[in-house]
Amino acid sequence: MKKQSIRSLILTSIFAAIISVLAPITIPVGTVPITLSLFAVFLCGSLLPTAQAVMATIVYITLGAIGLPVFSSYTGGFSVLTGVTGGFIWAYPLMAFSISLSVKIFKKRCALSLFTGICIAIIICYTLGTFWFCYLTGNSLTTGITACVLPFIVPDVIKAVAAASLALGLDRFYVINKKLT
């Protein structure tokens, strides 16, 4: 196997593990809890190439689907993916894709490329998650937005800023070390 392929597999696995470790950490605030999963997905999309970022989130979803307790509050199983929060989880590959693609389009990892990609990712997450929530619960879109979007805007902005800052810091560190090797 080529050195680059092994590195790619390792990084993808590491980020699937990071998402799996952070996602179960929750703050209950109603039907949809605040978790660190979005922070992990933001970080994944910010640091990995597009295919690897998407694959890391798919690996995470697969681990949860087969029953490992990697979803919020240490739950697992396919029933979580078909439950009221499932739409948010299904959005993760698209979110990671949008962030990583933004970095690729801008041709560099910078505050603007990360901000653009993360904003698109948040819109994707809120849209898929809210529509899925409304579909399953029979609630109106207004109720869905009230339950699934409004309480999360400030926490998600904080997670976005933290993930982008960490990604930019890690990128600088990696670039410095890459020049040394």
N, C-alpha and C. Protein backbone atom coordinates (compact mmCIF):
# COMPACT_ATOMS: atom_id res chain seq x y z
N MET A 1 0.84 -1.18 0.00
CA MET A 1 0.00 0.00 0.00
C MET A 1 0.89 1.25 0.00
N LYS A 2 0.48 2.26 -0.73
CA LYS A 2 1.27 3.48 -0.79
C LYS A 2 1.23 4.21 0.55
N LYS A 3 2.30 4.92 0.82
CA LYS A 3 2.42 5.68 2.06
C LYS A 3 1.26 6.67 2.21
N GLN A 4 0.88 7.33 1.12
CA GLN A 4 -0.22 8.30 1.15
C GLN A 4 -1.54 7.63 1.47
N SER A 5 -1.77 6.42 0.95
CA SER A 5 -3.01 5.70 1.22
C SER A 5 -3.12 5.32 2.69
N ILE A 6 -2.03 4.88 3.26
CA ILE A 6 -2.02 4.51 4.68
C ILE A 6 -2.28 5.75 5.53
N ARG A 7 -1.62 6.85 5.18
CA ARG A 7 -1.82 8.11 5.91
C ARG A 7 -3.28 8.54 5.82
N SER A 8 -3.87 8.42 4.64
CA SER A 8 -5.26 8.80 4.42
C SER A 8 -6.20 7.95 5.28
N LEU A 9 -5.96 6.65 5.30
CA LEU A 9 -6.79 5.75 6.13
C LEU A 9 -6.65 6.06 7.61
N ILE A 10 -5.43 6.35 8.04
CA ILE A 10 -5.20 6.65 9.45
C ILE A 10 -5.91 7.95 9.84
N LEU A 11 -5.77 8.99 9.03
CA LEU A 11 -6.42 10.26 9.34
C LEU A 11 -7.95 10.13 9.33
N THR A 12 -8.47 9.39 8.37
CA THR A 12 -9.92 9.17 8.32
C THR A 12 -10.39 8.46 9.58
N SER A 13 -9.65 7.44 9.99
CA SER A 13 -9.99 6.69 11.20
C SER A 13 -9.89 7.55 12.44
N ILE A 14 -8.86 8.36 12.51
CA ILE A 14 -8.68 9.24 13.67
C ILE A 14 -9.87 10.20 13.79
N PHE A 15 -10.28 10.78 12.67
CA PHE A 15 -11.40 11.72 12.75
C PHE A 15 -12.73 11.02 13.02
N ALA A 16 -12.91 9.81 12.52
CA ALA A 16 -14.11 9.04 12.89
C ALA A 16 -14.11 8.79 14.40
N ALA A 17 -12.93 8.51 14.94
CA ALA A 17 -12.81 8.29 16.39
C ALA A 17 -13.06 9.58 17.17
N ILE A 18 -12.54 10.70 16.67
CA ILE A 18 -12.77 11.99 17.34
C ILE A 18 -14.26 12.30 17.40
N ILE A 19 -14.95 12.11 16.29
CA ILE A 19 -16.40 12.35 16.28
C ILE A 19 -17.09 11.40 17.26
N SER A 20 -16.67 10.13 17.26
CA SER A 20 -17.27 9.12 18.14
C SER A 20 -17.06 9.42 19.61
N VAL A 21 -15.94 10.03 19.95
CA VAL A 21 -15.65 10.37 21.34
C VAL A 21 -16.38 11.63 21.77
N LEU A 22 -16.46 12.63 20.88
CA LEU A 22 -17.08 13.90 21.26
C LEU A 22 -18.60 13.91 21.15
N ALA A 23 -19.16 13.20 20.19
CA ALA A 23 -20.61 13.25 19.95
C ALA A 23 -21.47 12.84 21.14
N PRO A 24 -21.08 11.84 21.92
CA PRO A 24 -21.94 11.46 23.04
C PRO A 24 -22.02 12.49 24.17
N ILE A 25 -21.09 13.44 24.19
CA ILE A 25 -21.09 14.45 25.25
C ILE A 25 -22.22 15.43 24.97
N THR A 26 -23.20 15.48 25.87
CA THR A 26 -24.41 16.25 25.62
C THR A 26 -24.80 17.15 26.78
N ILE A 27 -25.54 18.18 26.42
CA ILE A 27 -26.23 19.03 27.38
C ILE A 27 -27.70 18.96 26.99
N PRO A 28 -28.53 18.31 27.81
CA PRO A 28 -29.94 18.18 27.43
C PRO A 28 -30.67 19.53 27.49
N VAL A 29 -31.35 19.87 26.39
CA VAL A 29 -32.13 21.11 26.33
C VAL A 29 -33.47 20.87 25.65
N GLY A 30 -34.06 19.75 25.88
CA GLY A 30 -35.33 19.44 25.22
C GLY A 30 -35.18 18.20 24.37
N THR A 31 -35.96 18.16 23.30
CA THR A 31 -35.97 16.98 22.43
C THR A 31 -34.64 16.77 21.73
N VAL A 32 -34.00 17.85 21.32
CA VAL A 32 -32.73 17.78 20.61
C VAL A 32 -31.64 18.35 21.53
N PRO A 33 -30.70 17.51 22.01
CA PRO A 33 -29.68 17.99 22.95
C PRO A 33 -28.55 18.75 22.24
N ILE A 34 -27.84 19.55 23.01
CA ILE A 34 -26.62 20.17 22.51
C ILE A 34 -25.51 19.14 22.68
N THR A 35 -24.80 18.85 21.59
CA THR A 35 -23.70 17.87 21.64
C THR A 35 -22.43 18.50 21.08
N LEU A 36 -21.34 17.80 21.24
CA LEU A 36 -20.09 18.25 20.65
C LEU A 36 -19.86 17.62 19.28
N SER A 37 -20.87 16.93 18.76
CA SER A 37 -20.71 16.29 17.46
C SER A 37 -20.49 17.32 16.35
N LEU A 38 -21.19 18.44 16.39
CA LEU A 38 -20.98 19.44 15.33
C LEU A 38 -19.57 20.02 15.40
N PHE A 39 -19.06 20.24 16.60
CA PHE A 39 -17.68 20.70 16.73
C PHE A 39 -16.74 19.71 16.04
N ALA A 40 -16.94 18.43 16.28
CA ALA A 40 -16.09 17.39 15.68
C ALA A 40 -16.25 17.35 14.16
N VAL A 41 -17.47 17.49 13.67
CA VAL A 41 -17.70 17.48 12.22
C VAL A 41 -17.09 18.74 11.59
N PHE A 42 -17.24 19.88 12.25
CA PHE A 42 -16.61 21.11 11.75
C PHE A 42 -15.10 20.93 11.64
N LEU A 43 -14.51 20.35 12.66
CA LEU A 43 -13.07 20.14 12.68
C LEU A 43 -12.64 19.16 11.58
N CYS A 44 -13.40 18.11 11.44
CA CYS A 44 -13.14 17.10 10.41
C CYS A 44 -13.16 17.73 9.01
N GLY A 45 -14.20 18.47 8.70
CA GLY A 45 -14.30 19.12 7.40
C GLY A 45 -13.25 20.19 7.20
N SER A 46 -12.83 20.81 8.29
CA SER A 46 -11.83 21.88 8.20
C SER A 46 -10.43 21.37 7.93
N LEU A 47 -10.13 20.16 8.37
CA LEU A 47 -8.76 19.67 8.29
C LEU A 47 -8.52 18.58 7.24
N LEU A 48 -9.55 17.84 6.88
CA LEU A 48 -9.34 16.72 5.95
C LEU A 48 -9.73 17.08 4.52
N PRO A 49 -9.10 16.42 3.55
CA PRO A 49 -9.58 16.55 2.17
C PRO A 49 -11.02 16.03 2.07
N THR A 50 -11.71 16.45 1.05
CA THR A 50 -13.15 16.18 0.92
C THR A 50 -13.52 14.71 1.09
N ALA A 51 -12.90 13.83 0.34
CA ALA A 51 -13.26 12.40 0.41
C ALA A 51 -13.02 11.83 1.80
N GLN A 52 -11.92 12.20 2.42
CA GLN A 52 -11.62 11.70 3.76
C GLN A 52 -12.60 12.25 4.79
N ALA A 53 -12.94 13.52 4.67
CA ALA A 53 -13.88 14.13 5.61
C ALA A 53 -15.25 13.44 5.54
N VAL A 54 -15.71 13.22 4.34
CA VAL A 54 -17.00 12.53 4.15
C VAL A 54 -16.91 11.11 4.68
N MET A 55 -15.83 10.42 4.37
CA MET A 55 -15.69 9.03 4.81
C MET A 55 -15.62 8.94 6.33
N ALA A 56 -14.96 9.86 6.99
CA ALA A 56 -14.88 9.83 8.45
C ALA A 56 -16.28 9.93 9.07
N THR A 57 -17.12 10.79 8.51
CA THR A 57 -18.48 10.92 9.05
C THR A 57 -19.32 9.68 8.74
N ILE A 58 -19.10 9.08 7.58
CA ILE A 58 -19.83 7.86 7.24
C ILE A 58 -19.41 6.72 8.16
N VAL A 59 -18.13 6.62 8.45
CA VAL A 59 -17.65 5.60 9.39
C VAL A 59 -18.31 5.82 10.75
N TYR A 60 -18.34 7.06 11.20
CA TYR A 60 -18.99 7.38 12.48
C TYR A 60 -20.46 6.95 12.48
N ILE A 61 -21.19 7.31 11.44
CA ILE A 61 -22.62 6.94 11.35
C ILE A 61 -22.77 5.42 11.33
N THR A 62 -21.90 4.73 10.62
CA THR A 62 -21.95 3.27 10.55
C THR A 62 -21.70 2.65 11.92
N LEU A 63 -20.72 3.18 12.65
CA LEU A 63 -20.44 2.68 14.00
C LEU A 63 -21.68 2.82 14.89
N GLY A 64 -22.33 3.97 14.80
CA GLY A 64 -23.54 4.17 15.59
C GLY A 64 -24.69 3.29 15.13
N ALA A 65 -24.81 3.12 13.82
CA ALA A 65 -25.91 2.31 13.27
C ALA A 65 -25.81 0.85 13.71
N ILE A 66 -24.58 0.34 13.85
CA ILE A 66 -24.44 -1.06 14.25
C ILE A 66 -24.58 -1.25 15.77
N GLY A 67 -24.77 -0.14 16.47
CA GLY A 67 -25.07 -0.25 17.89
C GLY A 67 -24.04 0.27 18.86
N LEU A 68 -22.89 0.71 18.37
CA LEU A 68 -21.91 1.28 19.29
C LEU A 68 -22.45 2.58 19.88
N PRO A 69 -22.21 2.85 21.14
CA PRO A 69 -22.80 4.03 21.79
C PRO A 69 -22.05 5.32 21.47
N VAL A 70 -22.12 5.74 20.22
CA VAL A 70 -21.38 6.93 19.78
C VAL A 70 -22.28 8.13 19.50
N PHE A 71 -23.58 7.94 19.60
CA PHE A 71 -24.50 9.06 19.39
C PHE A 71 -24.71 9.79 20.72
N SER A 72 -25.50 10.85 20.70
CA SER A 72 -25.67 11.67 21.91
C SER A 72 -26.12 10.81 23.09
N SER A 73 -25.62 11.18 24.24
CA SER A 73 -25.92 10.48 25.50
C SER A 73 -25.53 9.01 25.45
N TYR A 74 -24.51 8.69 24.70
CA TYR A 74 -23.98 7.32 24.59
C TYR A 74 -25.03 6.32 24.12
N THR A 75 -25.80 6.72 23.11
CA THR A 75 -26.77 5.81 22.51
C THR A 75 -26.20 5.30 21.19
N GLY A 76 -26.82 4.29 20.66
CA GLY A 76 -26.42 3.73 19.38
C GLY A 76 -27.57 2.95 18.79
N GLY A 77 -27.42 2.50 17.58
CA GLY A 77 -28.43 1.72 16.92
C GLY A 77 -29.10 2.49 15.79
N PHE A 78 -29.63 1.73 14.86
CA PHE A 78 -30.28 2.35 13.69
C PHE A 78 -31.50 3.16 14.09
N SER A 79 -32.11 2.81 15.21
CA SER A 79 -33.30 3.54 15.65
C SER A 79 -32.99 5.01 15.94
N VAL A 80 -31.77 5.32 16.34
CA VAL A 80 -31.39 6.72 16.56
C VAL A 80 -31.39 7.46 15.22
N LEU A 81 -30.91 6.79 14.18
CA LEU A 81 -30.86 7.42 12.86
C LEU A 81 -32.24 7.63 12.25
N THR A 82 -33.20 6.87 12.70
CA THR A 82 -34.57 7.05 12.21
C THR A 82 -35.43 7.79 13.22
N GLY A 83 -34.83 8.21 14.33
CA GLY A 83 -35.56 8.97 15.34
C GLY A 83 -35.55 10.45 15.04
N VAL A 84 -36.04 11.25 15.99
CA VAL A 84 -36.22 12.69 15.76
C VAL A 84 -34.92 13.45 15.53
N THR A 85 -33.79 12.93 15.99
CA THR A 85 -32.51 13.61 15.74
C THR A 85 -31.76 13.03 14.55
N GLY A 86 -32.32 12.02 13.91
CA GLY A 86 -31.65 11.35 12.80
C GLY A 86 -31.29 12.26 11.65
N GLY A 87 -32.14 13.21 11.33
CA GLY A 87 -31.86 14.12 10.22
C GLY A 87 -30.59 14.93 10.42
N PHE A 88 -30.32 15.27 11.67
CA PHE A 88 -29.09 16.01 11.96
C PHE A 88 -27.87 15.12 11.70
N ILE A 89 -27.95 13.88 12.16
CA ILE A 89 -26.82 12.96 11.99
C ILE A 89 -26.59 12.64 10.51
N TRP A 90 -27.67 12.42 9.76
CA TRP A 90 -27.52 12.14 8.33
C TRP A 90 -26.90 13.32 7.59
N ALA A 91 -26.99 14.51 8.16
CA ALA A 91 -26.42 15.70 7.52
C ALA A 91 -24.89 15.76 7.64
N TYR A 92 -24.31 15.02 8.55
CA TYR A 92 -22.87 15.14 8.82
C TYR A 92 -21.98 14.95 7.58
N PRO A 93 -22.21 13.94 6.73
CA PRO A 93 -21.34 13.83 5.55
C PRO A 93 -21.44 15.05 4.63
N LEU A 94 -22.64 15.58 4.46
CA LEU A 94 -22.80 16.78 3.62
C LEU A 94 -22.15 18.00 4.26
N MET A 95 -22.21 18.06 5.57
CA MET A 95 -21.57 19.16 6.29
C MET A 95 -20.05 19.11 6.11
N ALA A 96 -19.48 17.95 6.36
CA ALA A 96 -18.03 17.79 6.21
C ALA A 96 -17.61 18.09 4.77
N PHE A 97 -18.42 17.64 3.83
CA PHE A 97 -18.15 17.89 2.41
C PHE A 97 -18.14 19.39 2.12
N SER A 98 -19.14 20.12 2.62
CA SER A 98 -19.24 21.55 2.32
C SER A 98 -18.06 22.34 2.89
N ILE A 99 -17.63 21.98 4.08
CA ILE A 99 -16.51 22.69 4.70
C ILE A 99 -15.21 22.40 3.94
N SER A 100 -14.97 21.13 3.70
CA SER A 100 -13.75 20.73 2.99
C SER A 100 -13.72 21.29 1.57
N LEU A 101 -14.87 21.28 0.91
CA LEU A 101 -14.95 21.82 -0.44
C LEU A 101 -14.69 23.33 -0.44
N SER A 102 -15.17 24.01 0.57
CA SER A 102 -14.92 25.45 0.68
C SER A 102 -13.42 25.73 0.77
N VAL A 103 -12.72 24.95 1.57
CA VAL A 103 -11.26 25.11 1.69
C VAL A 103 -10.61 24.86 0.33
N LYS A 104 -11.10 23.84 -0.37
CA LYS A 104 -10.54 23.50 -1.68
C LYS A 104 -10.82 24.62 -2.70
N ILE A 105 -12.02 25.16 -2.70
CA ILE A 105 -12.38 26.23 -3.64
C ILE A 105 -11.55 27.49 -3.39
N PHE A 106 -11.37 27.83 -2.11
CA PHE A 106 -10.56 29.00 -1.77
C PHE A 106 -9.06 28.74 -1.97
N LYS A 107 -8.72 27.47 -2.18
CA LYS A 107 -7.33 27.04 -2.38
C LYS A 107 -6.45 27.25 -1.15
N LYS A 108 -7.07 27.46 0.00
CA LYS A 108 -6.31 27.53 1.24
C LYS A 108 -7.26 27.47 2.43
N ARG A 109 -6.69 27.05 3.52
CA ARG A 109 -7.43 27.00 4.78
C ARG A 109 -7.22 28.36 5.46
N CYS A 110 -8.26 29.16 5.48
CA CYS A 110 -8.17 30.48 6.10
C CYS A 110 -9.51 30.76 6.78
N ALA A 111 -9.57 31.84 7.51
CA ALA A 111 -10.81 32.17 8.24
C ALA A 111 -11.99 32.28 7.29
N LEU A 112 -11.80 32.89 6.13
CA LEU A 112 -12.90 33.07 5.18
C LEU A 112 -13.38 31.74 4.61
N SER A 113 -12.46 30.87 4.23
CA SER A 113 -12.88 29.58 3.66
C SER A 113 -13.59 28.73 4.71
N LEU A 114 -13.08 28.75 5.94
CA LEU A 114 -13.73 27.98 7.00
C LEU A 114 -15.07 28.58 7.38
N PHE A 115 -15.14 29.89 7.49
CA PHE A 115 -16.41 30.56 7.83
C PHE A 115 -17.47 30.24 6.79
N THR A 116 -17.10 30.34 5.52
CA THR A 116 -18.05 30.06 4.44
C THR A 116 -18.54 28.61 4.51
N GLY A 117 -17.60 27.68 4.59
CA GLY A 117 -17.97 26.26 4.63
C GLY A 117 -18.78 25.89 5.86
N ILE A 118 -18.41 26.44 7.01
CA ILE A 118 -19.13 26.11 8.24
C ILE A 118 -20.53 26.71 8.23
N CYS A 119 -20.68 27.92 7.69
CA CYS A 119 -22.03 28.51 7.59
C CYS A 119 -22.93 27.65 6.71
N ILE A 120 -22.40 27.20 5.59
CA ILE A 120 -23.18 26.31 4.71
C ILE A 120 -23.49 25.01 5.43
N ALA A 121 -22.52 24.49 6.17
CA ALA A 121 -22.73 23.23 6.91
C ALA A 121 -23.83 23.39 7.96
N ILE A 122 -23.84 24.50 8.66
CA ILE A 122 -24.88 24.72 9.67
C ILE A 122 -26.26 24.80 9.01
N ILE A 123 -26.34 25.47 7.87
CA ILE A 123 -27.62 25.55 7.15
C ILE A 123 -28.07 24.15 6.73
N ILE A 124 -27.16 23.35 6.23
CA ILE A 124 -27.48 21.97 5.84
C ILE A 124 -27.99 21.20 7.04
N CYS A 125 -27.29 21.30 8.15
CA CYS A 125 -27.66 20.57 9.37
C CYS A 125 -29.05 20.98 9.85
N TYR A 126 -29.26 22.28 9.98
CA TYR A 126 -30.56 22.77 10.46
C TYR A 126 -31.69 22.38 9.50
N THR A 127 -31.43 22.47 8.21
CA THR A 127 -32.47 22.16 7.23
C THR A 127 -32.86 20.68 7.28
N LEU A 128 -31.88 19.79 7.13
CA LEU A 128 -32.19 18.36 7.15
C LEU A 128 -32.76 17.93 8.50
N GLY A 129 -32.13 18.39 9.57
CA GLY A 129 -32.58 18.00 10.90
C GLY A 129 -33.97 18.49 11.23
N THR A 130 -34.26 19.74 10.89
CA THR A 130 -35.57 20.31 11.21
C THR A 130 -36.67 19.68 10.37
N PHE A 131 -36.41 19.51 9.08
CA PHE A 131 -37.44 18.87 8.24
C PHE A 131 -37.71 17.43 8.69
N TRP A 132 -36.66 16.70 9.04
CA TRP A 132 -36.85 15.32 9.51
C TRP A 132 -37.63 15.31 10.83
N PHE A 133 -37.28 16.21 11.72
CA PHE A 133 -37.99 16.35 13.01
C PHE A 133 -39.47 16.64 12.78
N CYS A 134 -39.76 17.59 11.92
CA CYS A 134 -41.16 17.96 11.62
C CYS A 134 -41.91 16.80 10.97
N TYR A 135 -41.25 16.10 10.06
CA TYR A 135 -41.86 14.96 9.40
C TYR A 135 -42.25 13.87 10.41
N LEU A 136 -41.34 13.54 11.31
CA LEU A 136 -41.60 12.48 12.28
C LEU A 136 -42.60 12.88 13.36
N THR A 137 -42.54 14.12 13.79
CA THR A 137 -43.40 14.54 14.89
C THR A 137 -44.73 15.11 14.43
N GLY A 138 -44.83 15.45 13.15
CA GLY A 138 -46.05 16.05 12.64
C GLY A 138 -46.18 17.52 13.03
N ASN A 139 -45.11 18.10 13.54
CA ASN A 139 -45.14 19.51 13.93
C ASN A 139 -44.98 20.42 12.72
N SER A 140 -45.38 21.67 12.90
CA SER A 140 -45.22 22.66 11.84
C SER A 140 -43.76 23.07 11.73
N LEU A 141 -43.43 23.72 10.64
CA LEU A 141 -42.08 24.20 10.44
C LEU A 141 -41.71 25.23 11.51
N THR A 142 -42.66 26.05 11.89
CA THR A 142 -42.41 27.05 12.95
C THR A 142 -42.05 26.36 14.25
N THR A 143 -42.77 25.32 14.61
CA THR A 143 -42.46 24.56 15.82
C THR A 143 -41.09 23.90 15.69
N GLY A 144 -40.81 23.36 14.52
CA GLY A 144 -39.52 22.72 14.28
C GLY A 144 -38.37 23.69 14.42
N ILE A 145 -38.52 24.88 13.87
CA ILE A 145 -37.47 25.89 13.98
C ILE A 145 -37.30 26.32 15.43
N THR A 146 -38.41 26.46 16.14
CA THR A 146 -38.36 26.83 17.55
C THR A 146 -37.65 25.76 18.39
N ALA A 147 -37.88 24.50 18.07
CA ALA A 147 -37.30 23.40 18.84
C ALA A 147 -35.90 23.02 18.38
N CYS A 148 -35.64 23.12 17.08
CA CYS A 148 -34.42 22.54 16.51
C CYS A 148 -33.37 23.55 16.04
N VAL A 149 -33.73 24.81 15.96
CA VAL A 149 -32.78 25.79 15.44
C VAL A 149 -32.47 26.87 16.46
N LEU A 150 -33.48 27.58 16.91
CA LEU A 150 -33.27 28.75 17.76
C LEU A 150 -32.42 28.48 19.01
N PRO A 151 -32.66 27.38 19.74
CA PRO A 151 -31.84 27.17 20.95
C PRO A 151 -30.38 26.83 20.64
N PHE A 152 -30.07 26.53 19.39
CA PHE A 152 -28.74 26.03 19.04
C PHE A 152 -27.85 27.02 18.31
N ILE A 153 -28.40 28.15 17.93
CA ILE A 153 -27.62 29.11 17.14
C ILE A 153 -26.37 29.56 17.89
N VAL A 154 -26.54 30.05 19.10
CA VAL A 154 -25.38 30.55 19.86
C VAL A 154 -24.39 29.42 20.17
N PRO A 155 -24.84 28.27 20.70
CA PRO A 155 -23.87 27.20 20.94
C PRO A 155 -23.15 26.74 19.66
N ASP A 156 -23.86 26.70 18.55
CA ASP A 156 -23.23 26.25 17.30
C ASP A 156 -22.24 27.27 16.76
N VAL A 157 -22.52 28.55 16.96
CA VAL A 157 -21.55 29.58 16.56
C VAL A 157 -20.28 29.45 17.41
N ILE A 158 -20.46 29.20 18.70
CA ILE A 158 -19.30 29.00 19.58
C ILE A 158 -18.49 27.79 19.12
N LYS A 159 -19.17 26.68 18.80
CA LYS A 159 -18.48 25.48 18.31
C LYS A 159 -17.77 25.76 16.99
N ALA A 160 -18.42 26.54 16.13
CA ALA A 160 -17.83 26.87 14.83
C ALA A 160 -16.55 27.69 14.99
N VAL A 161 -16.61 28.69 15.85
CA VAL A 161 -15.43 29.54 16.08
C VAL A 161 -14.30 28.71 16.70
N ALA A 162 -14.65 27.87 17.66
CA ALA A 162 -13.64 27.02 18.32
C ALA A 162 -13.01 26.05 17.32
N ALA A 163 -13.84 25.41 16.49
CA ALA A 163 -13.31 24.45 15.51
C ALA A 163 -12.44 25.14 14.46
N ALA A 164 -12.90 26.28 13.96
CA ALA A 164 -12.12 27.01 12.96
C ALA A 164 -10.79 27.49 13.55
N SER A 165 -10.83 27.99 14.76
CA SER A 165 -9.60 28.45 15.42
C SER A 165 -8.63 27.30 15.63
N LEU A 166 -9.14 26.18 16.09
CA LEU A 166 -8.29 25.00 16.29
C LEU A 166 -7.72 24.51 14.96
N ALA A 167 -8.56 24.48 13.93
CA ALA A 167 -8.10 24.03 12.61
C ALA A 167 -7.00 24.94 12.08
N LEU A 168 -7.18 26.24 12.23
CA LEU A 168 -6.15 27.18 11.76
C LEU A 168 -4.87 27.03 12.56
N GLY A 169 -5.00 26.82 13.86
CA GLY A 169 -3.83 26.60 14.70
C GLY A 169 -3.11 25.31 14.35
N LEU A 170 -3.86 24.24 14.16
CA LEU A 170 -3.25 22.96 13.78
C LEU A 170 -2.62 23.03 12.39
N ASP A 171 -3.24 23.76 11.51
CA ASP A 171 -2.71 23.91 10.16
C ASP A 171 -1.36 24.61 10.20
N ARG A 172 -1.25 25.66 10.99
CA ARG A 172 0.03 26.36 11.12
C ARG A 172 1.09 25.43 11.70
N PHE A 173 0.70 24.65 12.71
CA PHE A 173 1.62 23.72 13.34
C PHE A 173 2.08 22.67 12.34
N TYR A 174 1.14 22.15 11.57
CA TYR A 174 1.47 21.11 10.58
C TYR A 174 2.39 21.67 9.50
N VAL A 175 2.09 22.87 9.03
CA VAL A 175 2.92 23.48 7.99
C VAL A 175 4.33 23.69 8.50
N ILE A 176 4.48 24.14 9.74
CA ILE A 176 5.81 24.35 10.32
C ILE A 176 6.54 23.01 10.40
N ASN A 177 5.87 21.98 10.91
CA ASN A 177 6.52 20.67 11.04
C ASN A 177 6.81 20.05 9.68
N LYS A 178 5.97 20.28 8.70
CA LYS A 178 6.18 19.71 7.38
C LYS A 178 7.46 20.28 6.76
N LYS A 179 7.74 21.54 7.02
CA LYS A 179 8.96 22.15 6.49
C LYS A 179 10.19 21.54 7.16
N LEU A 180 10.04 21.06 8.39
CA LEU A 180 11.18 20.49 9.10
C LEU A 180 11.51 19.08 8.63
N THR A 181 10.53 18.37 8.06
CA THR A 181 10.79 16.99 7.66
C THR A 181 11.21 16.86 6.22
